């Protein structure tokens, strides 16, 4: 198990991290190209940039949106996302791994903050799953992956918490650490190919919404031709 753990922390980590970064870069570039393509073909090229920026900030920091509808569920969702972003990126042990394998590092979270955010993320994920099950509307609209994704995302948090804060035997520690590393690397690979890619697309959501409805000048004629209403009185 020691050799497998070393392989997982070394070559496999670098490979899966590269897949995630390159995959997200591909998704982002394709999205940007489609935005420019839609804007270039648009008849009306006016975009309310002030409104776009304001709404983008509201979606990225949804403090006001949280209290509009289903405030408790929305609050747990926001806390869950905050933990998902901050703990994996700024945890001291993770930053040290980056320094060793990738050659760079960033500032880290204080121990108390990392501990609290980990517990909060686990609690928030459990609350979201229960809330989705108990709410009739959410349960009706949810797919299997909507329940599976929070569980998959929770595995690195739970296993990492066990390794860092619970006294377990050496063999149990190696097992949980292996599960921690492998589950995180599985998430790395899945991120660019699932809806979790919205972590890089979210800032562009309002731009897409505004540019997507800028139809090309010939749209009216094509619609009329398709409906066999060309030249018909309005």
C-alpha atoms as a PDB file:
ATOM      1  CA  UNK A   1       0.000   0.000   0.000  1.00  0.00           C
ATOM      2  CA  UNK A   2       2.942   2.338   0.629  1.00  0.00           C
ATOM      3  CA  UNK A   3       4.032   2.080  -3.014  1.00  0.00           C
ATOM      4  CA  UNK A   4       0.481   2.677  -4.258  1.00  0.00           C
ATOM      5  CA  UNK A   5       0.137   5.685  -1.968  1.00  0.00           C
ATOM      6  CA  UNK A   6       3.446   7.110  -3.178  1.00  0.00           C
ATOM      7  CA  UNK A   7       2.390   6.600  -6.802  1.00  0.00           C
ATOM      8  CA  UNK A   8      -0.970   8.267  -6.102  1.00  0.00           C
ATOM      9  CA  UNK A   9       0.642  11.290  -4.467  1.00  0.00           C
ATOM     10  CA  UNK A  10       3.267  11.618  -7.193  1.00  0.00           C
ATOM     11  CA  UNK A  11       2.818  10.688 -10.875  1.00  0.00           C
ATOM     12  CA  UNK A  12      -0.932  10.039 -10.674  1.00  0.00           C
ATOM     13  CA  UNK A  13      -1.522  13.353  -8.921  1.00  0.00           C
ATOM     14  CA  UNK A  14       0.411  15.261 -11.585  1.00  0.00           C
ATOM     15  CA  UNK A  15      -1.419  13.436 -14.392  1.00  0.00           C
ATOM     16  CA  UNK A  16      -4.933  13.979 -13.026  1.00  0.00           C
ATOM     17  CA  UNK A  17      -4.165  17.591 -12.116  1.00  0.00           C
ATOM     18  CA  UNK A  18      -2.992  18.205 -15.694  1.00  0.00           C
ATOM     19  CA  UNK A  19      -6.184  16.589 -17.063  1.00  0.00           C
ATOM     20  CA  UNK A  20      -8.289  18.908 -14.898  1.00  0.00           C
ATOM     21  CA  UNK A  21      -6.399  22.080 -15.826  1.00  0.00           C
ATOM     22  CA  UNK A  22      -6.245  21.326 -19.554  1.00  0.00           C
ATOM     23  CA  UNK A  23      -9.870  20.147 -19.600  1.00  0.00           C
ATOM     24  CA  UNK A  24     -11.117  23.290 -17.871  1.00  0.00           C
ATOM     25  CA  UNK A  25      -8.988  25.434 -20.197  1.00  0.00           C
ATOM     26  CA  UNK A  26     -10.597  23.700 -23.183  1.00  0.00           C
ATOM     27  CA  UNK A  27     -14.110  24.275 -21.804  1.00  0.00           C
ATOM     28  CA  UNK A  28     -13.357  27.930 -21.088  1.00  0.00           C
ATOM     29  CA  UNK A  29     -11.806  28.581 -24.519  1.00  0.00           C
ATOM     30  CA  UNK A  30     -14.708  26.927 -26.351  1.00  0.00           C
ATOM     31  CA  UNK A  31     -17.183  28.980 -24.337  1.00  0.00           C
ATOM     32  CA  UNK A  32     -15.328  32.206 -25.104  1.00  0.00           C
ATOM     33  CA  UNK A  33     -15.159  31.346 -28.803  1.00  0.00           C
ATOM     34  CA  UNK A  34     -18.921  30.764 -28.907  1.00  0.00           C
ATOM     35  CA  UNK A  35     -19.520  34.102 -27.164  1.00  0.00           C
ATOM     36  CA  UNK A  36     -17.357  35.961 -29.705  1.00  0.00           C
ATOM     37  CA  UNK A  37     -18.992  34.062 -32.562  1.00  0.00           C
ATOM     38  CA  UNK A  38     -22.494  34.940 -31.358  1.00  0.00           C
ATOM     39  CA  UNK A  39     -21.509  38.587 -30.805  1.00  0.00           C
ATOM     40  CA  UNK A  40     -19.907  38.830 -34.265  1.00  0.00           C
ATOM     41  CA  UNK A  41     -23.056  37.469 -35.989  1.00  0.00           C
ATOM     42  CA  UNK A  42     -25.465  39.531 -33.903  1.00  0.00           C
ATOM     43  CA  UNK A  43     -27.524  42.267 -35.502  1.00  0.00           C
ATOM     44  CA  UNK A  44     -27.747  44.319 -32.308  1.00  0.00           C
ATOM     45  CA  UNK A  45     -24.296  44.503 -30.749  1.00  0.00           C
ATOM     46  CA  UNK A  46     -25.232  46.588 -27.717  1.00  0.00           C
ATOM     47  CA  UNK A  47     -24.535  44.766 -24.448  1.00  0.00           C
ATOM     48  CA  UNK A  48     -25.452  46.309 -21.061  1.00  0.00           C
ATOM     49  CA  UNK A  49     -22.013  45.704 -19.547  1.00  0.00           C
ATOM     50  CA  UNK A  50     -22.842  47.459 -16.280  1.00  0.00           C
ATOM     51  CA  UNK A  51     -25.834  45.195 -15.734  1.00  0.00           C
ATOM     52  CA  UNK A  52     -23.819  42.136 -16.784  1.00  0.00           C
ATOM     53  CA  UNK A  53     -21.056  42.917 -14.275  1.00  0.00           C
ATOM     54  CA  UNK A  54     -23.543  43.623 -11.470  1.00  0.00           C
ATOM     55  CA  UNK A  55     -25.447  40.375 -12.031  1.00  0.00           C
ATOM     56  CA  UNK A  56     -22.222  38.385 -12.368  1.00  0.00           C
ATOM     57  CA  UNK A  57     -21.074  39.654  -8.960  1.00  0.00           C
ATOM     58  CA  UNK A  58     -24.485  38.785  -7.490  1.00  0.00           C
ATOM     59  CA  UNK A  59     -24.175  35.220  -8.786  1.00  0.00           C
ATOM     60  CA  UNK A  60     -20.556  34.834  -7.676  1.00  0.00           C
ATOM     61  CA  UNK A  61     -21.272  36.253  -4.209  1.00  0.00           C
ATOM     62  CA  UNK A  62     -24.971  35.332  -3.828  1.00  0.00           C
ATOM     63  CA  UNK A  63     -25.510  36.846  -0.374  1.00  0.00           C
ATOM     64  CA  UNK A  64     -28.660  38.722  -1.387  1.00  0.00           C
ATOM     65  CA  UNK A  65     -30.000  35.870  -3.542  1.00  0.00           C
ATOM     66  CA  UNK A  66     -29.741  33.456  -0.610  1.00  0.00           C
ATOM     67  CA  UNK A  67     -32.587  35.124   1.267  1.00  0.00           C
ATOM     68  CA  UNK A  68     -35.035  35.407  -1.657  1.00  0.00           C
ATOM     69  CA  UNK A  69     -36.248  31.823  -1.929  1.00  0.00           C
ATOM     70  CA  UNK A  70     -35.604  28.726   0.207  1.00  0.00           C
ATOM     71  CA  UNK A  71     -33.144  30.707   2.358  1.00  0.00           C
ATOM     72  CA  UNK A  72     -32.051  27.783   4.555  1.00  0.00           C
ATOM     73  CA  UNK A  73     -31.312  25.473   1.612  1.00  0.00           C
ATOM     74  CA  UNK A  74     -29.607  28.299  -0.302  1.00  0.00           C
ATOM     75  CA  UNK A  75     -27.471  29.199   2.714  1.00  0.00           C
ATOM     76  CA  UNK A  76     -26.258  25.609   3.071  1.00  0.00           C
ATOM     77  CA  UNK A  77     -25.551  25.499  -0.657  1.00  0.00           C
ATOM     78  CA  UNK A  78     -23.454  28.666  -0.459  1.00  0.00           C
ATOM     79  CA  UNK A  79     -21.509  27.368   2.567  1.00  0.00           C
ATOM     80  CA  UNK A  80     -20.929  24.046   0.812  1.00  0.00           C
ATOM     81  CA  UNK A  81     -19.475  25.773  -2.244  1.00  0.00           C
ATOM     82  CA  UNK A  82     -17.275  28.037  -0.116  1.00  0.00           C
ATOM     83  CA  UNK A  83     -15.806  25.000   1.644  1.00  0.00           C
ATOM     84  CA  UNK A  84     -15.345  23.133  -1.640  1.00  0.00           C
ATOM     85  CA  UNK A  85     -13.238  25.988  -2.988  1.00  0.00           C
ATOM     86  CA  UNK A  86     -11.254  27.152   0.025  1.00  0.00           C
ATOM     87  CA  UNK A  87     -10.292  23.914   1.779  1.00  0.00           C
ATOM     88  CA  UNK A  88      -8.780  21.980  -1.171  1.00  0.00           C
ATOM     89  CA  UNK A  89      -6.923  25.048  -2.466  1.00  0.00           C
ATOM     90  CA  UNK A  90      -5.624  26.639   0.752  1.00  0.00           C
ATOM     91  CA  UNK A  91      -5.163  23.672   3.122  1.00  0.00           C
ATOM     92  CA  UNK A  92      -1.557  23.571   4.353  1.00  0.00           C
ATOM     93  CA  UNK A  93      -0.985  19.887   3.492  1.00  0.00           C
ATOM     94  CA  UNK A  94      -2.305  20.430  -0.043  1.00  0.00           C
ATOM     95  CA  UNK A  95      -0.143  23.494  -0.620  1.00  0.00           C
ATOM     96  CA  UNK A  96       2.910  21.515   0.527  1.00  0.00           C
ATOM     97  CA  UNK A  97       2.003  18.788  -1.970  1.00  0.00           C
ATOM     98  CA  UNK A  98       1.850  21.400  -4.721  1.00  0.00           C
ATOM     99  CA  UNK A  99       5.234  22.771  -3.691  1.00  0.00           C
ATOM    100  CA  UNK A 100       6.785  19.308  -3.782  1.00  0.00           C
ATOM    101  CA  UNK A 101       5.209  18.030  -7.007  1.00  0.00           C
ATOM    102  CA  UNK A 102       4.281  21.132  -9.002  1.00  0.00           C
ATOM    103  CA  UNK A 103       6.950  23.556  -7.868  1.00  0.00           C
ATOM    104  CA  UNK A 104       4.761  26.381  -6.571  1.00  0.00           C
ATOM    105  CA  UNK A 105       2.771  27.277  -3.471  1.00  0.00           C
ATOM    106  CA  UNK A 106       0.288  29.822  -2.158  1.00  0.00           C
ATOM    107  CA  UNK A 107      -0.711  31.192   1.268  1.00  0.00           C
ATOM    108  CA  UNK A 108      -2.501  28.667   3.490  1.00  0.00           C
ATOM    109  CA  UNK A 109      -5.500  28.683   5.820  1.00  0.00           C
ATOM    110  CA  UNK A 110      -4.934  28.832   9.588  1.00  0.00           C
ATOM    111  CA  UNK A 111      -5.507  25.472  11.274  1.00  0.00           C
ATOM    112  CA  UNK A 112      -8.708  26.585  13.032  1.00  0.00           C
ATOM    113  CA  UNK A 113     -10.201  27.899   9.781  1.00  0.00           C
ATOM    114  CA  UNK A 114      -9.342  24.718   7.882  1.00  0.00           C
ATOM    115  CA  UNK A 115     -10.826  22.558  10.645  1.00  0.00           C
ATOM    116  CA  UNK A 116     -14.017  24.616  10.880  1.00  0.00           C
ATOM    117  CA  UNK A 117     -14.547  24.832   7.114  1.00  0.00           C
ATOM    118  CA  UNK A 118     -14.049  21.074   6.724  1.00  0.00           C
ATOM    119  CA  UNK A 119     -16.681  20.299   9.362  1.00  0.00           C
ATOM    120  CA  UNK A 120     -19.000  22.944   7.923  1.00  0.00           C
ATOM    121  CA  UNK A 121     -18.661  21.544   4.394  1.00  0.00           C
ATOM    122  CA  UNK A 122     -19.465  17.992   5.540  1.00  0.00           C
ATOM    123  CA  UNK A 123     -22.466  19.220   7.527  1.00  0.00           C
ATOM    124  CA  UNK A 124     -23.706  21.435   4.676  1.00  0.00           C
ATOM    125  CA  UNK A 125     -23.441  18.593   2.132  1.00  0.00           C
ATOM    126  CA  UNK A 126     -25.444  16.268   4.373  1.00  0.00           C
ATOM    127  CA  UNK A 127     -28.071  18.991   4.854  1.00  0.00           C
ATOM    128  CA  UNK A 128     -28.315  19.555   1.086  1.00  0.00           C
ATOM    129  CA  UNK A 129     -28.826  15.854   0.386  1.00  0.00           C
ATOM    130  CA  UNK A 130     -31.511  15.576   3.082  1.00  0.00           C
ATOM    131  CA  UNK A 131     -33.170  18.789   1.908  1.00  0.00           C
ATOM    132  CA  UNK A 132     -33.250  17.574  -1.690  1.00  0.00           C
ATOM    133  CA  UNK A 133     -34.835  14.286  -0.607  1.00  0.00           C
ATOM    134  CA  UNK A 134     -37.462  15.896   1.629  1.00  0.00           C
ATOM    135  CA  UNK A 135     -38.450  18.719  -0.720  1.00  0.00           C
ATOM    136  CA  UNK A 136     -41.039  17.386  -3.177  1.00  0.00           C
ATOM    137  CA  UNK A 137     -40.129  19.787  -6.000  1.00  0.00           C
ATOM    138  CA  UNK A 138     -36.388  19.197  -5.718  1.00  0.00           C
ATOM    139  CA  UNK A 139     -36.883  15.452  -5.412  1.00  0.00           C
ATOM    140  CA  UNK A 140     -39.045  15.385  -8.545  1.00  0.00           C
ATOM    141  CA  UNK A 141     -36.550  17.419 -10.623  1.00  0.00           C
ATOM    142  CA  UNK A 142     -33.394  15.739  -9.310  1.00  0.00           C
ATOM    143  CA  UNK A 143     -31.478  13.137 -11.252  1.00  0.00           C
ATOM    144  CA  UNK A 144     -29.335  10.384  -9.750  1.00  0.00           C
ATOM    145  CA  UNK A 145     -26.183  12.408 -10.331  1.00  0.00           C
ATOM    146  CA  UNK A 146     -27.625  15.277  -8.271  1.00  0.00           C
ATOM    147  CA  UNK A 147     -27.475  12.962  -5.244  1.00  0.00           C
ATOM    148  CA  UNK A 148     -24.251  11.230  -6.271  1.00  0.00           C
ATOM    149  CA  UNK A 149     -22.120  14.326  -6.803  1.00  0.00           C
ATOM    150  CA  UNK A 150     -22.348  15.671  -3.216  1.00  0.00           C
ATOM    151  CA  UNK A 151     -21.449  12.206  -1.923  1.00  0.00           C
ATOM    152  CA  UNK A 152     -18.445  11.930  -4.268  1.00  0.00           C
ATOM    153  CA  UNK A 153     -17.302  15.431  -3.311  1.00  0.00           C
ATOM    154  CA  UNK A 154     -17.656  14.542   0.368  1.00  0.00           C
ATOM    155  CA  UNK A 155     -15.334  11.517   0.267  1.00  0.00           C
ATOM    156  CA  UNK A 156     -12.061  13.545   0.237  1.00  0.00           C
ATOM    157  CA  UNK A 157     -13.365  15.749   3.065  1.00  0.00           C
ATOM    158  CA  UNK A 158     -14.423  12.857   5.297  1.00  0.00           C
ATOM    159  CA  UNK A 159     -11.313  10.749   4.674  1.00  0.00           C
ATOM    160  CA  UNK A 160      -9.033  13.768   5.049  1.00  0.00           C
ATOM    161  CA  UNK A 161     -10.725  14.702   8.321  1.00  0.00           C
ATOM    162  CA  UNK A 162     -10.242  11.153   9.639  1.00  0.00           C
ATOM    163  CA  UNK A 163      -6.539  11.212   8.756  1.00  0.00           C
ATOM    164  CA  UNK A 164      -5.903  14.663  10.221  1.00  0.00           C
ATOM    165  CA  UNK A 165      -8.048  14.729  13.343  1.00  0.00           C
ATOM    166  CA  UNK A 166      -8.871  11.182  14.449  1.00  0.00           C
ATOM    167  CA  UNK A 167      -6.507   8.750  16.107  1.00  0.00           C
ATOM    168  CA  UNK A 168      -6.450   5.675  13.899  1.00  0.00           C
ATOM    169  CA  UNK A 169      -3.947   2.864  13.481  1.00  0.00           C
ATOM    170  CA  UNK A 170      -1.134   3.149  10.949  1.00  0.00           C
ATOM    171  CA  UNK A 171      -2.777   0.700   8.558  1.00  0.00           C
ATOM    172  CA  UNK A 172      -6.147   2.482   8.845  1.00  0.00           C
ATOM    173  CA  UNK A 173      -4.406   5.825   8.259  1.00  0.00           C
ATOM    174  CA  UNK A 174      -2.786   4.543   5.058  1.00  0.00           C
ATOM    175  CA  UNK A 175      -6.125   3.183   3.843  1.00  0.00           C
ATOM    176  CA  UNK A 176      -8.014   6.422   4.504  1.00  0.00           C
ATOM    177  CA  UNK A 177      -5.197   8.501   3.019  1.00  0.00           C
ATOM    178  CA  UNK A 178      -5.227   6.358  -0.124  1.00  0.00           C
ATOM    179  CA  UNK A 179      -9.014   6.809  -0.405  1.00  0.00           C
ATOM    180  CA  UNK A 180      -8.546  10.542   0.179  1.00  0.00           C
ATOM    181  CA  UNK A 181      -5.993  10.928  -2.594  1.00  0.00           C
ATOM    182  CA  UNK A 182      -7.702   8.642  -5.130  1.00  0.00           C
ATOM    183  CA  UNK A 183     -11.148  10.194  -4.615  1.00  0.00           C
ATOM    184  CA  UNK A 184      -9.686  13.679  -5.089  1.00  0.00           C
ATOM    185  CA  UNK A 185      -7.936  12.566  -8.275  1.00  0.00           C
ATOM    186  CA  UNK A 186     -11.166  11.016  -9.557  1.00  0.00           C
ATOM    187  CA  UNK A 187     -12.825  14.403  -9.035  1.00  0.00           C
ATOM    188  CA  UNK A 188      -9.956  16.088 -10.907  1.00  0.00           C
ATOM    189  CA  UNK A 189     -10.656  13.908 -13.942  1.00  0.00           C
ATOM    190  CA  UNK A 190     -14.450  14.287 -13.782  1.00  0.00           C
ATOM    191  CA  UNK A 191     -14.593  18.069 -13.301  1.00  0.00           C
ATOM    192  CA  UNK A 192     -13.997  19.167 -16.942  1.00  0.00           C
ATOM    193  CA  UNK A 193     -16.537  16.654 -18.296  1.00  0.00           C
ATOM    194  CA  UNK A 194     -19.454  17.247 -15.901  1.00  0.00           C
ATOM    195  CA  UNK A 195     -21.569  20.147 -14.715  1.00  0.00           C
ATOM    196  CA  UNK A 196     -18.912  20.918 -12.092  1.00  0.00           C
ATOM    197  CA  UNK A 197     -17.083  22.699 -14.935  1.00  0.00           C
ATOM    198  CA  UNK A 198     -19.319  25.650 -14.031  1.00  0.00           C
ATOM    199  CA  UNK A 199     -16.582  26.533 -11.519  1.00  0.00           C
ATOM    200  CA  UNK A 200     -14.817  28.307 -14.410  1.00  0.00           C
ATOM    201  CA  UNK A 201     -17.892  29.092 -16.535  1.00  0.00           C
ATOM    202  CA  UNK A 202     -19.960  30.793 -13.825  1.00  0.00           C
ATOM    203  CA  UNK A 203     -18.298  34.235 -14.286  1.00  0.00           C
ATOM    204  CA  UNK A 204     -19.375  34.140 -17.960  1.00  0.00           C
ATOM    205  CA  UNK A 205     -22.984  33.084 -17.355  1.00  0.00           C
ATOM    206  CA  UNK A 206     -24.466  36.572 -17.567  1.00  0.00           C
ATOM    207  CA  UNK A 207     -22.421  37.441 -20.652  1.00  0.00           C
ATOM    208  CA  UNK A 208     -23.722  34.289 -22.345  1.00  0.00           C
ATOM    209  CA  UNK A 209     -27.300  35.114 -21.334  1.00  0.00           C
ATOM    210  CA  UNK A 210     -27.078  38.577 -22.874  1.00  0.00           C
ATOM    211  CA  UNK A 211     -25.163  37.686 -26.048  1.00  0.00           C
ATOM    212  CA  UNK A 212     -27.112  34.481 -26.785  1.00  0.00           C
ATOM    213  CA  UNK A 213     -30.288  36.457 -27.502  1.00  0.00           C
ATOM    214  CA  UNK A 214     -28.593  38.756 -30.019  1.00  0.00           C
ATOM    215  CA  UNK A 215     -29.954  37.143 -33.164  1.00  0.00           C
ATOM    216  CA  UNK A 216     -28.226  37.631 -36.564  1.00  0.00           C
ATOM    217  CA  UNK A 217     -29.918  40.157 -38.920  1.00  0.00           C
ATOM    218  CA  UNK A 218     -31.269  37.439 -41.254  1.00  0.00           C
ATOM    219  CA  UNK A 219     -33.025  35.553 -38.445  1.00  0.00           C
ATOM    220  CA  UNK A 220     -36.475  37.034 -39.160  1.00  0.00           C
ATOM    221  CA  UNK A 221     -36.376  35.984 -42.810  1.00  0.00           C
ATOM    222  CA  UNK A 222     -35.184  32.476 -41.982  1.00  0.00           C
ATOM    223  CA  UNK A 223     -37.901  31.989 -39.376  1.00  0.00           C
ATOM    224  CA  UNK A 224     -40.587  33.197 -41.805  1.00  0.00           C
ATOM    225  CA  UNK A 225     -39.241  30.899 -44.531  1.00  0.00           C
ATOM    226  CA  UNK A 226     -39.188  27.926 -42.160  1.00  0.00           C
ATOM    227  CA  UNK A 227     -42.792  28.599 -41.115  1.00  0.00           C
ATOM    228  CA  UNK A 228     -43.834  29.199 -44.736  1.00  0.00           C
ATOM    229  CA  UNK A 229     -44.943  32.729 -43.810  1.00  0.00           C
ATOM    230  CA  UNK A 230     -42.608  34.652 -46.124  1.00  0.00           C
ATOM    231  CA  UNK A 231     -44.382  37.788 -47.346  1.00  0.00           C
ATOM    232  CA  UNK A 232     -47.500  37.102 -45.256  1.00  0.00           C
ATOM    233  CA  UNK A 233     -49.096  40.167 -43.604  1.00  0.00           C
ATOM    234  CA  UNK A 234     -48.314  40.594 -39.936  1.00  0.00           C
END
